[in-house]
């Protein structure tokens, strides 16, 4: 059981003056994917091994390992069965990147998303 988050902003959703709970299924997997992709390596104080090494390996001069790291993050997320589509786009001018993905989850759904870093 998890608190429901708005997938665009990451804010907790409040319904009827209570925190909403994420329904089981594809929506839960989609939320986990967004959480995993938005967490920096070392950010979580209870387990510094969690997160994506954006600063160390992705937002560097030649991020050759970035697609593999991000694909691994997606495919190892609990509930993901397989990765169906993946795109990693660098924007040198803004010094950022965008990850777009679509996968098949264990519930038969197709969580997809876009995360800007």
N, C-alpha and C. Protein backbone atom coordinates (compact mmCIF):
# COMPACT_ATOMS: atom_id res chain seq x y z
N UNK A 1 0.85 -1.18 0.00
CA UNK A 1 0.00 0.00 0.00
C UNK A 1 0.89 1.24 0.00
N UNK A 2 0.61 2.15 -0.91
CA UNK A 2 1.37 3.40 -1.03
C UNK A 2 0.39 4.56 -1.10
N UNK A 3 0.88 5.73 -0.70
CA UNK A 3 0.09 6.94 -0.92
C UNK A 3 0.15 7.29 -2.39
N UNK A 4 -0.97 7.72 -2.93
CA UNK A 4 -1.07 8.09 -4.34
C UNK A 4 -0.36 9.41 -4.58
N UNK A 5 0.43 9.45 -5.65
CA UNK A 5 1.13 10.66 -6.05
C UNK A 5 0.65 11.09 -7.42
N UNK A 6 0.63 12.39 -7.64
CA UNK A 6 0.40 12.92 -8.97
C UNK A 6 1.65 12.60 -9.78
N UNK A 7 1.52 11.88 -10.89
CA UNK A 7 2.68 11.44 -11.64
C UNK A 7 3.43 12.58 -12.33
N UNK A 8 2.77 13.70 -12.55
CA UNK A 8 3.44 14.84 -13.18
C UNK A 8 4.25 15.65 -12.19
N UNK A 9 3.70 15.87 -11.01
CA UNK A 9 4.36 16.75 -10.03
C UNK A 9 5.03 16.00 -8.89
N UNK A 10 4.60 14.77 -8.62
CA UNK A 10 5.13 14.03 -7.49
C UNK A 10 4.45 14.36 -6.17
N UNK A 11 3.47 15.26 -6.22
CA UNK A 11 2.75 15.65 -5.00
C UNK A 11 1.80 14.54 -4.56
N UNK A 12 1.60 14.43 -3.25
CA UNK A 12 0.63 13.49 -2.72
C UNK A 12 -0.77 13.97 -3.06
N UNK A 13 -1.65 13.03 -3.37
CA UNK A 13 -3.03 13.34 -3.73
C UNK A 13 -3.90 13.25 -2.48
N UNK A 14 -4.72 14.29 -2.26
CA UNK A 14 -5.63 14.31 -1.12
C UNK A 14 -7.06 14.27 -1.65
N UNK A 15 -7.84 13.31 -1.13
CA UNK A 15 -9.24 13.19 -1.50
C UNK A 15 -10.07 13.11 -0.22
N UNK A 16 -11.11 13.89 -0.14
CA UNK A 16 -11.98 13.91 1.05
C UNK A 16 -11.19 14.13 2.34
N UNK A 17 -10.24 15.06 2.28
CA UNK A 17 -9.40 15.42 3.43
C UNK A 17 -8.52 14.29 3.94
N UNK A 18 -8.24 13.28 3.11
CA UNK A 18 -7.36 12.18 3.47
C UNK A 18 -6.39 11.93 2.33
N UNK A 19 -5.24 11.36 2.66
CA UNK A 19 -4.31 10.95 1.62
C UNK A 19 -4.92 9.79 0.85
N UNK A 20 -4.90 9.87 -0.46
CA UNK A 20 -5.42 8.80 -1.30
C UNK A 20 -4.40 7.67 -1.36
N UNK A 21 -4.89 6.45 -1.53
CA UNK A 21 -4.04 5.27 -1.62
C UNK A 21 -3.96 4.84 -3.09
N UNK A 22 -2.77 4.45 -3.52
CA UNK A 22 -2.58 3.99 -4.89
C UNK A 22 -3.30 2.67 -5.08
N UNK A 23 -4.16 2.57 -6.09
CA UNK A 23 -4.81 1.28 -6.35
C UNK A 23 -3.79 0.27 -6.86
N UNK A 24 -3.99 -1.01 -6.52
CA UNK A 24 -3.11 -2.06 -7.03
C UNK A 24 -3.24 -2.12 -8.54
N UNK A 25 -2.19 -2.55 -9.18
CA UNK A 25 -2.24 -2.73 -10.62
C UNK A 25 -1.32 -1.79 -11.36
N UNK A 26 -1.71 -1.49 -12.58
CA UNK A 26 -0.87 -0.70 -13.48
C UNK A 26 -0.55 0.68 -12.91
N UNK A 27 -1.51 1.31 -12.25
CA UNK A 27 -1.24 2.64 -11.70
C UNK A 27 -0.15 2.58 -10.62
N UNK A 28 -0.14 1.53 -9.83
CA UNK A 28 0.89 1.36 -8.81
C UNK A 28 2.27 1.17 -9.45
N UNK A 29 2.33 0.37 -10.51
CA UNK A 29 3.60 0.15 -11.21
C UNK A 29 4.09 1.46 -11.84
N UNK A 30 3.18 2.22 -12.46
CA UNK A 30 3.54 3.50 -13.06
C UNK A 30 4.10 4.46 -12.01
N UNK A 31 3.50 4.47 -10.83
CA UNK A 31 3.99 5.34 -9.77
C UNK A 31 5.38 4.90 -9.30
N UNK A 32 5.59 3.60 -9.17
CA UNK A 32 6.91 3.10 -8.78
C UNK A 32 7.97 3.48 -9.80
N UNK A 33 7.62 3.37 -11.10
CA UNK A 33 8.56 3.73 -12.15
C UNK A 33 8.98 5.19 -12.04
N UNK A 34 8.00 6.07 -11.87
CA UNK A 34 8.31 7.50 -11.75
C UNK A 34 9.15 7.77 -10.50
N UNK A 35 8.83 7.14 -9.40
CA UNK A 35 9.60 7.33 -8.17
C UNK A 35 11.04 6.86 -8.37
N UNK A 36 11.21 5.69 -8.96
CA UNK A 36 12.56 5.16 -9.15
C UNK A 36 13.39 6.04 -10.09
N UNK A 37 12.77 6.52 -11.17
CA UNK A 37 13.50 7.34 -12.13
C UNK A 37 13.79 8.75 -11.62
N UNK A 38 13.03 9.21 -10.64
CA UNK A 38 13.23 10.56 -10.11
C UNK A 38 14.09 10.60 -8.85
N UNK A 39 14.57 9.46 -8.40
CA UNK A 39 15.36 9.42 -7.18
C UNK A 39 16.85 9.41 -7.52
N UNK A 40 17.58 10.37 -6.99
CA UNK A 40 19.02 10.44 -7.19
C UNK A 40 19.72 9.42 -6.31
N UNK A 41 20.79 8.84 -6.82
CA UNK A 41 21.59 7.91 -6.03
C UNK A 41 22.05 8.59 -4.75
N UNK A 42 21.78 7.94 -3.61
CA UNK A 42 22.20 8.47 -2.32
C UNK A 42 21.22 9.44 -1.70
N UNK A 43 20.14 9.75 -2.38
CA UNK A 43 19.18 10.75 -1.89
C UNK A 43 18.41 10.25 -0.66
N UNK A 44 18.04 8.97 -0.64
CA UNK A 44 17.23 8.43 0.44
C UNK A 44 18.13 8.10 1.62
N UNK A 45 17.95 8.81 2.72
CA UNK A 45 18.86 8.69 3.86
C UNK A 45 18.81 7.33 4.55
N UNK A 46 17.74 6.58 4.36
CA UNK A 46 17.66 5.26 4.98
C UNK A 46 18.37 4.18 4.17
N UNK A 47 18.62 4.44 2.88
CA UNK A 47 19.34 3.49 2.05
C UNK A 47 20.03 4.26 0.92
N UNK A 48 21.29 4.61 1.12
CA UNK A 48 21.99 5.45 0.15
C UNK A 48 22.34 4.70 -1.14
N UNK A 49 22.05 3.39 -1.21
CA UNK A 49 22.32 2.65 -2.45
C UNK A 49 21.16 2.75 -3.43
N UNK A 50 20.02 3.31 -2.99
CA UNK A 50 18.86 3.47 -3.88
C UNK A 50 19.03 4.70 -4.76
N UNK A 51 18.49 4.63 -5.94
CA UNK A 51 18.47 5.78 -6.82
C UNK A 51 19.29 5.58 -8.08
N UNK A 52 19.15 6.52 -8.98
CA UNK A 52 19.83 6.51 -10.27
C UNK A 52 21.06 7.41 -10.17
N UNK A 53 22.22 6.96 -10.65
CA UNK A 53 23.44 7.77 -10.57
C UNK A 53 23.49 8.88 -11.63
N UNK A 54 22.53 9.79 -11.56
CA UNK A 54 22.47 10.87 -12.55
C UNK A 54 23.73 11.72 -12.52
N UNK A 55 24.13 12.18 -11.37
CA UNK A 55 25.28 13.08 -11.26
C UNK A 55 26.58 12.34 -11.61
N UNK A 56 26.68 11.10 -11.17
CA UNK A 56 27.90 10.33 -11.36
C UNK A 56 28.07 9.79 -12.78
N UNK A 57 26.98 9.37 -13.43
CA UNK A 57 27.11 8.65 -14.70
C UNK A 57 26.27 9.14 -15.86
N UNK A 58 25.25 9.95 -15.61
CA UNK A 58 24.34 10.32 -16.70
C UNK A 58 24.50 11.78 -17.11
N UNK A 59 24.51 12.68 -16.16
CA UNK A 59 24.65 14.10 -16.49
C UNK A 59 26.13 14.48 -16.52
N UNK A 60 26.86 13.78 -17.36
CA UNK A 60 28.29 14.00 -17.54
C UNK A 60 28.55 14.32 -19.01
N UNK A 61 29.81 14.60 -19.36
CA UNK A 61 30.13 15.04 -20.71
C UNK A 61 29.73 14.03 -21.79
N UNK A 62 30.07 12.79 -21.66
CA UNK A 62 29.71 11.75 -22.64
C UNK A 62 28.99 10.62 -21.92
N UNK A 63 27.68 10.72 -21.76
CA UNK A 63 26.93 9.72 -20.97
C UNK A 63 26.65 8.43 -21.75
N UNK A 64 27.71 7.71 -22.10
CA UNK A 64 27.54 6.51 -22.93
C UNK A 64 26.79 5.39 -22.22
N UNK A 65 26.86 5.35 -20.90
CA UNK A 65 26.19 4.28 -20.15
C UNK A 65 24.78 4.66 -19.72
N UNK A 66 24.36 5.87 -19.98
CA UNK A 66 23.06 6.36 -19.51
C UNK A 66 21.88 5.49 -19.96
N UNK A 67 21.75 5.17 -21.24
CA UNK A 67 20.59 4.36 -21.64
C UNK A 67 20.54 3.01 -20.91
N UNK A 68 21.66 2.36 -20.76
CA UNK A 68 21.69 1.07 -20.07
C UNK A 68 21.30 1.18 -18.61
N UNK A 69 21.78 2.21 -17.93
CA UNK A 69 21.45 2.44 -16.52
C UNK A 69 19.96 2.68 -16.36
N UNK A 70 19.40 3.52 -17.23
CA UNK A 70 17.98 3.85 -17.13
C UNK A 70 17.10 2.67 -17.50
N UNK A 71 17.48 1.91 -18.53
CA UNK A 71 16.73 0.71 -18.89
C UNK A 71 16.73 -0.28 -17.72
N UNK A 72 17.88 -0.44 -17.08
CA UNK A 72 17.98 -1.34 -15.93
C UNK A 72 17.08 -0.88 -14.79
N UNK A 73 17.03 0.41 -14.56
CA UNK A 73 16.16 0.96 -13.51
C UNK A 73 14.70 0.62 -13.81
N UNK A 74 14.30 0.75 -15.07
CA UNK A 74 12.92 0.47 -15.45
C UNK A 74 12.62 -1.03 -15.33
N UNK A 75 13.48 -1.87 -15.89
CA UNK A 75 13.18 -3.31 -15.93
C UNK A 75 13.28 -3.98 -14.57
N UNK A 76 14.00 -3.39 -13.63
CA UNK A 76 14.11 -3.98 -12.30
C UNK A 76 13.08 -3.40 -11.32
N UNK A 77 12.23 -2.51 -11.79
CA UNK A 77 11.18 -1.97 -10.94
C UNK A 77 10.14 -3.05 -10.67
N UNK A 78 9.75 -3.18 -9.43
CA UNK A 78 8.78 -4.20 -9.04
C UNK A 78 7.49 -4.04 -9.85
N UNK A 79 7.07 -5.14 -10.48
CA UNK A 79 5.83 -5.14 -11.26
C UNK A 79 6.03 -5.01 -12.75
N UNK A 80 7.26 -4.67 -13.19
CA UNK A 80 7.52 -4.53 -14.62
C UNK A 80 7.91 -5.90 -15.18
N UNK A 81 7.23 -6.29 -16.25
CA UNK A 81 7.52 -7.58 -16.89
C UNK A 81 8.54 -7.41 -18.02
N UNK A 82 8.33 -6.39 -18.87
CA UNK A 82 9.28 -6.17 -19.96
C UNK A 82 9.19 -4.72 -20.45
N UNK A 83 10.27 -4.27 -21.05
CA UNK A 83 10.36 -2.93 -21.61
C UNK A 83 10.01 -3.02 -23.09
N UNK A 84 9.00 -2.26 -23.53
CA UNK A 84 8.53 -2.32 -24.91
C UNK A 84 9.11 -1.20 -25.78
N UNK A 85 9.29 -0.02 -25.21
CA UNK A 85 9.83 1.12 -25.96
C UNK A 85 10.65 1.97 -25.00
N UNK A 86 11.73 2.54 -25.53
CA UNK A 86 12.62 3.35 -24.69
C UNK A 86 13.28 4.40 -25.56
N UNK A 87 13.37 5.61 -25.04
CA UNK A 87 14.05 6.70 -25.73
C UNK A 87 14.77 7.56 -24.70
N UNK A 88 16.02 7.90 -24.99
CA UNK A 88 16.82 8.78 -24.14
C UNK A 88 17.32 9.90 -25.02
N UNK A 89 16.88 11.13 -24.74
CA UNK A 89 17.22 12.28 -25.57
C UNK A 89 17.96 13.31 -24.75
N UNK A 90 19.14 13.67 -25.21
CA UNK A 90 19.93 14.73 -24.56
C UNK A 90 19.62 16.07 -25.20
N UNK A 91 19.56 17.11 -24.37
CA UNK A 91 19.40 18.47 -24.86
C UNK A 91 20.62 19.25 -24.37
N UNK A 92 21.60 19.40 -25.26
CA UNK A 92 22.85 20.06 -24.86
C UNK A 92 22.66 21.51 -24.46
N UNK A 93 21.69 22.18 -25.08
CA UNK A 93 21.48 23.58 -24.78
C UNK A 93 20.97 23.79 -23.35
N UNK A 94 20.01 22.97 -22.94
CA UNK A 94 19.47 23.11 -21.58
C UNK A 94 20.25 22.27 -20.58
N UNK A 95 21.18 21.45 -21.09
CA UNK A 95 21.98 20.55 -20.25
C UNK A 95 21.10 19.58 -19.47
N UNK A 96 20.07 19.09 -20.12
CA UNK A 96 19.15 18.13 -19.52
C UNK A 96 18.92 16.96 -20.45
N UNK A 97 18.05 16.10 -20.02
CA UNK A 97 17.72 14.92 -20.82
C UNK A 97 16.27 14.53 -20.55
N UNK A 98 15.72 13.75 -21.47
CA UNK A 98 14.36 13.25 -21.31
C UNK A 98 14.37 11.74 -21.56
N UNK A 99 13.72 11.02 -20.68
CA UNK A 99 13.56 9.58 -20.81
C UNK A 99 12.09 9.31 -21.09
N UNK A 100 11.81 8.60 -22.17
CA UNK A 100 10.44 8.22 -22.51
C UNK A 100 10.43 6.70 -22.60
N UNK A 101 9.39 6.09 -22.02
CA UNK A 101 9.36 4.63 -21.99
C UNK A 101 7.93 4.10 -22.01
N UNK A 102 7.81 2.85 -22.39
CA UNK A 102 6.55 2.11 -22.31
C UNK A 102 6.93 0.67 -21.98
N UNK A 103 6.21 0.07 -21.06
CA UNK A 103 6.52 -1.29 -20.68
C UNK A 103 5.24 -2.09 -20.44
N UNK A 104 5.43 -3.38 -20.28
CA UNK A 104 4.34 -4.29 -19.96
C UNK A 104 4.50 -4.66 -18.50
N UNK A 105 3.41 -4.55 -17.73
CA UNK A 105 3.51 -4.91 -16.31
C UNK A 105 2.90 -6.29 -16.07
N UNK A 106 3.04 -6.78 -14.86
CA UNK A 106 2.57 -8.12 -14.51
C UNK A 106 1.04 -8.20 -14.49
N UNK A 107 0.37 -7.06 -14.55
CA UNK A 107 -1.09 -7.03 -14.55
C UNK A 107 -1.66 -6.97 -15.96
N UNK A 108 -0.79 -6.95 -16.97
CA UNK A 108 -1.24 -6.88 -18.36
C UNK A 108 -1.43 -5.46 -18.85
N UNK A 109 -1.07 -4.47 -18.04
CA UNK A 109 -1.20 -3.07 -18.41
C UNK A 109 0.07 -2.57 -19.08
N UNK A 110 0.00 -1.36 -19.57
CA UNK A 110 1.12 -0.77 -20.28
C UNK A 110 1.51 0.59 -19.67
N UNK A 111 2.18 0.57 -18.51
CA UNK A 111 2.60 1.86 -17.94
C UNK A 111 3.61 2.54 -18.87
N UNK A 112 3.45 3.82 -19.02
CA UNK A 112 4.38 4.59 -19.83
C UNK A 112 4.58 5.94 -19.18
N UNK A 113 5.66 6.58 -19.56
CA UNK A 113 5.91 7.87 -18.96
C UNK A 113 7.04 8.61 -19.63
N UNK A 114 7.21 9.83 -19.18
CA UNK A 114 8.30 10.68 -19.65
C UNK A 114 8.83 11.40 -18.44
N UNK A 115 10.13 11.29 -18.24
CA UNK A 115 10.76 11.92 -17.09
C UNK A 115 11.88 12.83 -17.60
N UNK A 116 11.83 14.08 -17.21
CA UNK A 116 12.88 15.03 -17.60
C UNK A 116 13.88 15.14 -16.46
N UNK A 117 15.16 15.14 -16.83
CA UNK A 117 16.22 15.24 -15.83
C UNK A 117 17.19 16.34 -16.21
